[in-house]
Amino acid sequence: MINKENLKTLVEEWLQNGDYFLVDIQMDGGDDRIAIEIDNADGVWIEDCAELSRFLQERLGEELGEYELEVGSAGLGQPFKVAQQYENHVGDDVEVIGKDGKKTTGVLKSVDAPRFVVTTKERQVPEGKKRPVQVDVDREFSMDEVKSTRYLLAFK
């Protein structure tokens, strides 16, 4: 019987050969489906997904025969699931949704897992002035205290 820990061990063995990292493994017992998500700072190539799939098929043999195996990339617009995804997007625009539903957008400034900092633009009235101006404000979050964080695609 295939379990998540065995799969994780095999996937991490394959990942040692390159710059990829594991994002998630989902096993749906009802559908006999295994979905593995990997990622890379430079993007995921379909050839590498196929190679990982073949590697798992060779290692698991007939055990895998009863499952539908799906190997793919963590979607570009999908929420981050692991610290490495945050690190890969330092300097990029992100959207953070807090557990309270409050949305914060800004530039991912730094990551020191499990904490990360997002620089936002806010209007503030400087002391002695009448008109508000845009200022950069750093907001610190904890990865386990937010509902989601995702990369914001910019079409410029």
N, C-alpha and C. Protein backbone atom coordinates (compact mmCIF):
# COMPACT_ATOMS: atom_id res chain seq x y z
N MET A 1 0.85 -1.19 0.00
CA MET A 1 0.00 0.00 0.00
C MET A 1 0.89 1.25 0.00
N ILE A 2 0.59 2.17 -0.87
CA ILE A 2 1.34 3.42 -0.97
C ILE A 2 0.81 4.39 0.07
N ASN A 3 1.74 5.05 0.80
CA ASN A 3 1.31 6.10 1.72
C ASN A 3 2.10 7.38 1.41
N LYS A 4 1.62 8.47 1.97
CA LYS A 4 2.17 9.79 1.68
C LYS A 4 3.65 9.90 2.07
N GLU A 5 4.03 9.31 3.20
CA GLU A 5 5.42 9.40 3.66
C GLU A 5 6.37 8.67 2.71
N ASN A 6 5.97 7.49 2.22
CA ASN A 6 6.80 6.76 1.25
C ASN A 6 6.96 7.57 -0.02
N LEU A 7 5.85 8.15 -0.49
CA LEU A 7 5.91 8.99 -1.70
C LEU A 7 6.83 10.18 -1.49
N LYS A 8 6.70 10.83 -0.34
CA LYS A 8 7.54 12.01 -0.05
C LYS A 8 9.01 11.64 -0.07
N THR A 9 9.36 10.50 0.51
CA THR A 9 10.75 10.04 0.53
C THR A 9 11.27 9.82 -0.89
N LEU A 10 10.46 9.19 -1.73
CA LEU A 10 10.87 8.94 -3.12
C LEU A 10 10.98 10.22 -3.92
N VAL A 11 10.02 11.11 -3.76
CA VAL A 11 10.05 12.38 -4.49
C VAL A 11 11.29 13.18 -4.08
N GLU A 12 11.57 13.23 -2.78
CA GLU A 12 12.74 13.99 -2.32
C GLU A 12 14.04 13.37 -2.81
N GLU A 13 14.06 12.04 -2.98
CA GLU A 13 15.23 11.38 -3.56
C GLU A 13 15.45 11.88 -4.99
N TRP A 14 14.38 11.95 -5.78
CA TRP A 14 14.48 12.44 -7.16
C TRP A 14 14.86 13.93 -7.17
N LEU A 15 14.32 14.70 -6.24
CA LEU A 15 14.56 16.14 -6.22
C LEU A 15 16.01 16.50 -5.91
N GLN A 16 16.77 15.59 -5.32
CA GLN A 16 18.17 15.84 -5.00
C GLN A 16 19.01 16.08 -6.26
N ASN A 17 18.49 15.67 -7.42
CA ASN A 17 19.25 15.78 -8.66
C ASN A 17 19.10 17.14 -9.34
N GLY A 18 18.34 18.06 -8.76
CA GLY A 18 18.14 19.34 -9.45
C GLY A 18 17.74 20.45 -8.50
N ASP A 19 17.15 21.49 -9.09
CA ASP A 19 16.78 22.68 -8.34
C ASP A 19 15.31 22.71 -7.94
N TYR A 20 14.61 21.62 -8.19
CA TYR A 20 13.19 21.56 -7.84
C TYR A 20 13.00 21.34 -6.35
N PHE A 21 11.80 21.69 -5.87
CA PHE A 21 11.44 21.40 -4.48
C PHE A 21 9.99 20.94 -4.44
N LEU A 22 9.67 20.16 -3.44
CA LEU A 22 8.33 19.61 -3.27
C LEU A 22 7.41 20.66 -2.67
N VAL A 23 6.24 20.83 -3.27
CA VAL A 23 5.25 21.76 -2.76
C VAL A 23 4.16 21.00 -2.01
N ASP A 24 3.63 19.93 -2.61
CA ASP A 24 2.52 19.23 -1.99
C ASP A 24 2.35 17.84 -2.60
N ILE A 25 1.82 16.94 -1.78
CA ILE A 25 1.39 15.62 -2.25
C ILE A 25 -0.03 15.44 -1.75
N GLN A 26 -0.93 15.16 -2.67
CA GLN A 26 -2.32 14.91 -2.29
C GLN A 26 -2.69 13.50 -2.72
N MET A 27 -3.29 12.79 -1.79
CA MET A 27 -3.76 11.44 -2.09
C MET A 27 -5.26 11.41 -1.81
N ASP A 28 -6.01 11.11 -2.84
CA ASP A 28 -7.46 11.02 -2.69
C ASP A 28 -7.83 9.54 -2.75
N GLY A 29 -8.05 8.96 -1.60
CA GLY A 29 -8.35 7.54 -1.50
C GLY A 29 -9.59 7.13 -2.25
N GLY A 30 -10.60 8.01 -2.28
CA GLY A 30 -11.84 7.68 -2.98
C GLY A 30 -11.67 7.55 -4.48
N ASP A 31 -10.80 8.37 -5.05
CA ASP A 31 -10.58 8.35 -6.49
C ASP A 31 -9.33 7.56 -6.87
N ASP A 32 -8.59 7.06 -5.89
CA ASP A 32 -7.31 6.40 -6.15
C ASP A 32 -6.42 7.29 -7.00
N ARG A 33 -6.30 8.54 -6.59
CA ARG A 33 -5.54 9.54 -7.33
C ARG A 33 -4.43 10.10 -6.45
N ILE A 34 -3.26 10.26 -7.05
CA ILE A 34 -2.11 10.88 -6.39
C ILE A 34 -1.72 12.10 -7.21
N ALA A 35 -1.67 13.27 -6.57
CA ALA A 35 -1.26 14.49 -7.24
C ALA A 35 -0.04 15.04 -6.53
N ILE A 36 1.04 15.23 -7.28
CA ILE A 36 2.29 15.73 -6.73
C ILE A 36 2.60 17.07 -7.39
N GLU A 37 2.85 18.10 -6.56
CA GLU A 37 3.20 19.42 -7.07
C GLU A 37 4.65 19.71 -6.74
N ILE A 38 5.41 20.12 -7.76
CA ILE A 38 6.79 20.53 -7.58
C ILE A 38 6.93 21.95 -8.11
N ASP A 39 8.02 22.60 -7.74
CA ASP A 39 8.24 23.96 -8.21
C ASP A 39 9.73 24.21 -8.35
N ASN A 40 10.06 25.31 -8.99
CA ASN A 40 11.44 25.70 -9.25
C ASN A 40 11.44 27.21 -9.44
N ALA A 41 12.47 27.88 -9.02
CA ALA A 41 12.55 29.33 -9.16
C ALA A 41 12.45 29.77 -10.62
N ASP A 42 12.90 28.91 -11.54
CA ASP A 42 12.89 29.25 -12.96
C ASP A 42 11.71 28.65 -13.71
N GLY A 43 10.75 28.06 -12.99
CA GLY A 43 9.60 27.44 -13.64
C GLY A 43 9.79 25.93 -13.75
N VAL A 44 8.71 25.26 -14.05
CA VAL A 44 8.69 23.80 -14.12
C VAL A 44 8.53 23.38 -15.58
N TRP A 45 9.38 22.47 -16.01
CA TRP A 45 9.33 21.95 -17.38
C TRP A 45 8.56 20.65 -17.40
N ILE A 46 7.72 20.47 -18.40
CA ILE A 46 6.90 19.26 -18.50
C ILE A 46 7.77 18.01 -18.60
N GLU A 47 8.93 18.13 -19.22
CA GLU A 47 9.84 16.99 -19.34
C GLU A 47 10.28 16.50 -17.96
N ASP A 48 10.48 17.45 -17.04
CA ASP A 48 10.89 17.07 -15.69
C ASP A 48 9.74 16.42 -14.92
N CYS A 49 8.52 16.89 -15.15
CA CYS A 49 7.36 16.25 -14.53
C CYS A 49 7.24 14.81 -15.03
N ALA A 50 7.45 14.63 -16.32
CA ALA A 50 7.38 13.28 -16.90
C ALA A 50 8.50 12.40 -16.34
N GLU A 51 9.68 12.97 -16.17
CA GLU A 51 10.80 12.21 -15.62
C GLU A 51 10.51 11.77 -14.19
N LEU A 52 9.96 12.66 -13.37
CA LEU A 52 9.59 12.29 -12.00
C LEU A 52 8.52 11.21 -12.01
N SER A 53 7.57 11.33 -12.89
CA SER A 53 6.50 10.33 -13.00
C SER A 53 7.09 8.96 -13.34
N ARG A 54 8.00 8.91 -14.31
CA ARG A 54 8.65 7.64 -14.68
C ARG A 54 9.47 7.08 -13.52
N PHE A 55 10.17 7.94 -12.81
CA PHE A 55 10.96 7.54 -11.66
C PHE A 55 10.07 6.86 -10.62
N LEU A 56 8.93 7.47 -10.32
CA LEU A 56 8.00 6.90 -9.34
C LEU A 56 7.42 5.57 -9.84
N GLN A 57 7.11 5.51 -11.12
CA GLN A 57 6.57 4.27 -11.69
C GLN A 57 7.58 3.14 -11.60
N GLU A 58 8.86 3.45 -11.85
CA GLU A 58 9.91 2.44 -11.75
C GLU A 58 10.08 1.97 -10.31
N ARG A 59 10.06 2.91 -9.36
CA ARG A 59 10.29 2.57 -7.96
C ARG A 59 9.11 1.86 -7.31
N LEU A 60 7.91 2.24 -7.69
CA LEU A 60 6.73 1.68 -7.03
C LEU A 60 6.12 0.49 -7.78
N GLY A 61 6.46 0.38 -9.05
CA GLY A 61 6.02 -0.77 -9.84
C GLY A 61 4.51 -0.99 -9.80
N GLU A 62 4.11 -2.23 -9.52
CA GLU A 62 2.70 -2.61 -9.56
C GLU A 62 1.87 -1.91 -8.50
N GLU A 63 2.49 -1.50 -7.40
CA GLU A 63 1.75 -0.78 -6.35
C GLU A 63 1.07 0.47 -6.92
N LEU A 64 1.75 1.11 -7.86
CA LEU A 64 1.23 2.35 -8.44
C LEU A 64 0.14 2.08 -9.46
N GLY A 65 0.05 0.84 -9.91
CA GLY A 65 -0.91 0.49 -10.95
C GLY A 65 -2.35 0.80 -10.60
N GLU A 66 -2.68 0.77 -9.33
CA GLU A 66 -4.06 1.03 -8.93
C GLU A 66 -4.37 2.51 -8.75
N TYR A 67 -3.36 3.38 -8.91
CA TYR A 67 -3.54 4.82 -8.73
C TYR A 67 -3.38 5.56 -10.05
N GLU A 68 -4.07 6.70 -10.13
CA GLU A 68 -3.85 7.64 -11.23
C GLU A 68 -2.82 8.65 -10.72
N LEU A 69 -1.65 8.70 -11.34
CA LEU A 69 -0.56 9.58 -10.91
C LEU A 69 -0.55 10.85 -11.74
N GLU A 70 -0.52 11.98 -11.05
CA GLU A 70 -0.48 13.28 -11.70
C GLU A 70 0.68 14.07 -11.11
N VAL A 71 1.66 14.42 -11.94
CA VAL A 71 2.80 15.22 -11.50
C VAL A 71 2.76 16.53 -12.26
N GLY A 72 2.79 17.65 -11.52
CA GLY A 72 2.72 18.95 -12.17
C GLY A 72 3.35 20.03 -11.32
N SER A 73 3.21 21.25 -11.81
CA SER A 73 3.78 22.40 -11.10
C SER A 73 2.72 23.04 -10.22
N ALA A 74 3.19 23.71 -9.20
CA ALA A 74 2.28 24.53 -8.39
C ALA A 74 1.90 25.70 -9.30
N GLY A 75 0.63 25.91 -9.50
CA GLY A 75 0.16 26.94 -10.42
C GLY A 75 0.67 28.32 -10.05
N LEU A 76 0.94 29.12 -11.05
CA LEU A 76 1.51 30.45 -10.85
C LEU A 76 0.62 31.34 -9.99
N GLY A 77 -0.68 31.23 -10.14
CA GLY A 77 -1.58 32.06 -9.37
C GLY A 77 -2.09 31.40 -8.11
N GLN A 78 -1.58 30.22 -7.80
CA GLN A 78 -2.04 29.49 -6.62
C GLN A 78 -1.36 30.02 -5.36
N PRO A 79 -2.03 29.86 -4.21
CA PRO A 79 -1.42 30.30 -2.95
C PRO A 79 -0.13 29.53 -2.66
N PHE A 80 0.81 30.21 -2.01
CA PHE A 80 2.06 29.57 -1.60
C PHE A 80 1.75 28.53 -0.53
N LYS A 81 2.46 27.41 -0.59
CA LYS A 81 2.27 26.33 0.38
C LYS A 81 3.51 26.06 1.21
N VAL A 82 4.69 26.39 0.68
CA VAL A 82 5.94 26.12 1.40
C VAL A 82 6.83 27.37 1.38
N ALA A 83 7.74 27.45 2.35
CA ALA A 83 8.61 28.62 2.51
C ALA A 83 9.43 28.91 1.26
N GLN A 84 9.87 27.89 0.55
CA GLN A 84 10.69 28.10 -0.65
C GLN A 84 9.95 28.94 -1.70
N GLN A 85 8.63 28.79 -1.78
CA GLN A 85 7.86 29.61 -2.72
C GLN A 85 7.93 31.08 -2.33
N TYR A 86 7.87 31.37 -1.04
CA TYR A 86 8.01 32.76 -0.58
C TYR A 86 9.40 33.28 -0.97
N GLU A 87 10.43 32.49 -0.70
CA GLU A 87 11.80 32.92 -0.98
C GLU A 87 12.01 33.18 -2.47
N ASN A 88 11.37 32.39 -3.32
CA ASN A 88 11.52 32.57 -4.77
C ASN A 88 10.86 33.85 -5.26
N HIS A 89 9.95 34.42 -4.48
CA HIS A 89 9.21 35.60 -4.93
C HIS A 89 9.58 36.87 -4.18
N VAL A 90 10.71 36.86 -3.47
CA VAL A 90 11.19 38.10 -2.83
C VAL A 90 11.41 39.13 -3.93
N GLY A 91 10.88 40.32 -3.73
CA GLY A 91 10.99 41.39 -4.73
C GLY A 91 9.80 41.46 -5.66
N ASP A 92 8.89 40.49 -5.58
CA ASP A 92 7.71 40.46 -6.44
C ASP A 92 6.48 40.99 -5.70
N ASP A 93 5.49 41.41 -6.48
CA ASP A 93 4.21 41.82 -5.91
C ASP A 93 3.45 40.59 -5.44
N VAL A 94 2.89 40.67 -4.23
CA VAL A 94 2.11 39.58 -3.67
C VAL A 94 0.83 40.12 -3.05
N GLU A 95 -0.11 39.19 -2.87
CA GLU A 95 -1.36 39.50 -2.17
C GLU A 95 -1.44 38.56 -0.98
N VAL A 96 -1.62 39.14 0.21
CA VAL A 96 -1.74 38.37 1.44
C VAL A 96 -3.16 38.53 1.95
N ILE A 97 -3.80 37.42 2.25
CA ILE A 97 -5.13 37.47 2.84
C ILE A 97 -5.01 36.90 4.25
N GLY A 98 -5.31 37.74 5.23
CA GLY A 98 -5.22 37.33 6.62
C GLY A 98 -6.37 36.41 6.99
N LYS A 99 -6.23 35.75 8.12
CA LYS A 99 -7.31 34.87 8.61
C LYS A 99 -8.60 35.64 8.82
N ASP A 100 -8.48 36.97 9.05
CA ASP A 100 -9.65 37.81 9.24
C ASP A 100 -10.26 38.26 7.91
N GLY A 101 -9.65 37.84 6.79
CA GLY A 101 -10.15 38.20 5.46
C GLY A 101 -9.59 39.50 4.92
N LYS A 102 -8.78 40.21 5.71
CA LYS A 102 -8.20 41.48 5.26
C LYS A 102 -7.12 41.22 4.22
N LYS A 103 -7.22 41.95 3.12
CA LYS A 103 -6.28 41.79 2.01
C LYS A 103 -5.20 42.86 2.06
N THR A 104 -3.95 42.43 1.90
CA THR A 104 -2.81 43.34 1.85
C THR A 104 -2.04 43.04 0.58
N THR A 105 -1.75 44.07 -0.21
CA THR A 105 -0.92 43.87 -1.40
C THR A 105 0.32 44.74 -1.28
N GLY A 106 1.40 44.23 -1.81
CA GLY A 106 2.65 44.96 -1.77
C GLY A 106 3.78 44.10 -2.31
N VAL A 107 5.00 44.51 -2.03
CA VAL A 107 6.18 43.81 -2.51
C VAL A 107 6.72 42.94 -1.37
N LEU A 108 6.94 41.66 -1.68
CA LEU A 108 7.52 40.74 -0.70
C LEU A 108 8.96 41.17 -0.48
N LYS A 109 9.24 41.71 0.70
CA LYS A 109 10.54 42.31 0.98
C LYS A 109 11.56 41.28 1.48
N SER A 110 11.13 40.43 2.42
CA SER A 110 12.07 39.47 2.99
C SER A 110 11.32 38.28 3.57
N VAL A 111 12.07 37.18 3.73
CA VAL A 111 11.51 35.95 4.29
C VAL A 111 12.51 35.40 5.29
N ASP A 112 12.04 35.12 6.48
CA ASP A 112 12.81 34.41 7.49
C ASP A 112 11.81 33.45 8.14
N ALA A 113 11.58 32.34 7.42
CA ALA A 113 10.51 31.40 7.77
C ALA A 113 10.48 31.12 9.26
N PRO A 114 9.30 31.16 9.84
CA PRO A 114 7.98 31.25 9.22
C PRO A 114 7.46 32.68 9.07
N ARG A 115 8.31 33.69 9.21
CA ARG A 115 7.86 35.07 9.10
C ARG A 115 8.27 35.65 7.75
N PHE A 116 7.49 36.62 7.28
CA PHE A 116 7.84 37.33 6.05
C PHE A 116 7.35 38.76 6.15
N VAL A 117 7.97 39.64 5.35
CA VAL A 117 7.65 41.07 5.39
C VAL A 117 7.21 41.52 4.00
N VAL A 118 6.10 42.26 3.98
CA VAL A 118 5.57 42.83 2.75
C VAL A 118 5.59 44.35 2.89
N THR A 119 6.16 45.04 1.89
CA THR A 119 6.18 46.49 1.89
C THR A 119 4.97 46.99 1.12
N THR A 120 4.13 47.77 1.80
CA THR A 120 2.91 48.30 1.19
C THR A 120 3.03 49.82 1.03
N LYS A 121 2.20 50.37 0.21
CA LYS A 121 2.10 51.83 0.04
C LYS A 121 0.88 52.28 0.82
N GLU A 122 1.08 53.27 1.68
CA GLU A 122 -0.04 53.80 2.46
C GLU A 122 -0.01 55.31 2.43
N ARG A 123 -1.19 55.89 2.51
CA ARG A 123 -1.29 57.35 2.57
C ARG A 123 -1.25 57.76 4.03
N GLN A 124 -0.30 58.62 4.34
CA GLN A 124 -0.16 59.14 5.70
C GLN A 124 0.09 60.65 5.64
N VAL A 125 -0.37 61.32 6.67
CA VAL A 125 -0.15 62.76 6.75
C VAL A 125 1.10 62.99 7.59
N PRO A 126 2.18 63.48 6.96
CA PRO A 126 3.40 63.75 7.73
C PRO A 126 3.16 64.85 8.76
N GLU A 127 3.91 64.79 9.85
CA GLU A 127 3.77 65.77 10.91
C GLU A 127 4.03 67.17 10.37
N GLY A 128 3.12 68.09 10.68
CA GLY A 128 3.27 69.47 10.24
C GLY A 128 2.77 69.72 8.83
N LYS A 129 2.23 68.71 8.16
CA LYS A 129 1.73 68.87 6.79
C LYS A 129 0.21 68.70 6.79
N LYS A 130 -0.41 69.19 5.74
CA LYS A 130 -1.87 69.09 5.63
C LYS A 130 -2.29 67.95 4.69
N ARG A 131 -1.49 67.72 3.70
CA ARG A 131 -1.87 66.71 2.68
C ARG A 131 -1.17 65.37 2.93
N PRO A 132 -1.93 64.29 2.70
CA PRO A 132 -1.30 62.96 2.85
C PRO A 132 -0.36 62.67 1.68
N VAL A 133 0.63 61.86 1.95
CA VAL A 133 1.58 61.41 0.93
C VAL A 133 1.69 59.89 1.00
N GLN A 134 2.12 59.29 -0.09
CA GLN A 134 2.33 57.84 -0.14
C GLN A 134 3.66 57.52 0.54
N VAL A 135 3.64 56.58 1.47
CA VAL A 135 4.87 56.15 2.13
C VAL A 135 4.92 54.63 2.13
N ASP A 136 6.14 54.09 2.15
CA ASP A 136 6.33 52.64 2.25
C ASP A 136 6.23 52.21 3.71
N VAL A 137 5.43 51.17 3.94
CA VAL A 137 5.25 50.65 5.29
C VAL A 137 5.50 49.15 5.23
N ASP A 138 6.38 48.66 6.11
CA ASP A 138 6.65 47.21 6.17
C ASP A 138 5.65 46.56 7.11
N ARG A 139 5.01 45.50 6.61
CA ARG A 139 4.07 44.70 7.41
C ARG A 139 4.64 43.30 7.57
N GLU A 140 4.72 42.84 8.80
CA GLU A 140 5.26 41.51 9.07
C GLU A 140 4.10 40.53 9.27
N PHE A 141 4.25 39.33 8.68
CA PHE A 141 3.24 38.28 8.78
C PHE A 141 3.91 36.97 9.17
N SER A 142 3.11 36.06 9.64
CA SER A 142 3.56 34.69 9.89
C SER A 142 2.85 33.78 8.89
N MET A 143 3.60 32.88 8.26
CA MET A 143 3.03 32.00 7.24
C MET A 143 1.84 31.20 7.74
N ASP A 144 1.89 30.81 9.00
CA ASP A 144 0.80 30.00 9.53
C ASP A 144 -0.35 30.84 10.09
N GLU A 145 -0.22 32.15 10.03
CA GLU A 145 -1.28 33.03 10.53
C GLU A 145 -1.99 33.77 9.41
N VAL A 146 -1.74 33.39 8.16
CA VAL A 146 -2.46 34.00 7.04
C VAL A 146 -3.27 32.92 6.33
N LYS A 147 -4.35 33.35 5.73
CA LYS A 147 -5.19 32.41 4.97
C LYS A 147 -4.47 32.01 3.68
N SER A 148 -3.89 33.01 3.00
CA SER A 148 -3.15 32.71 1.77
C SER A 148 -2.23 33.85 1.39
N THR A 149 -1.20 33.50 0.64
CA THR A 149 -0.30 34.47 0.01
C THR A 149 -0.09 33.98 -1.41
N ARG A 150 -0.23 34.88 -2.35
CA ARG A 150 -0.03 34.48 -3.74
C ARG A 150 0.69 35.57 -4.53
N TYR A 151 1.39 35.13 -5.55
CA TYR A 151 2.10 36.02 -6.46
C TYR A 151 1.08 36.76 -7.32
N LEU A 152 1.26 38.05 -7.48
CA LEU A 152 0.38 38.85 -8.32
C LEU A 152 1.01 39.01 -9.69
N LEU A 153 0.36 38.49 -10.69
CA LEU A 153 0.85 38.65 -12.06
C LEU A 153 0.69 40.10 -12.47
N ALA A 154 1.71 40.66 -13.07
CA ALA A 154 1.65 42.04 -13.53
C ALA A 154 1.77 42.05 -15.04
N PHE A 155 0.77 42.62 -15.69
CA PHE A 155 0.78 42.74 -17.15
C PHE A 155 1.07 44.19 -17.47
N LYS A 156 2.36 44.48 -17.68
CA LYS A 156 2.77 45.88 -17.91
C LYS A 156 3.22 46.05 -19.33
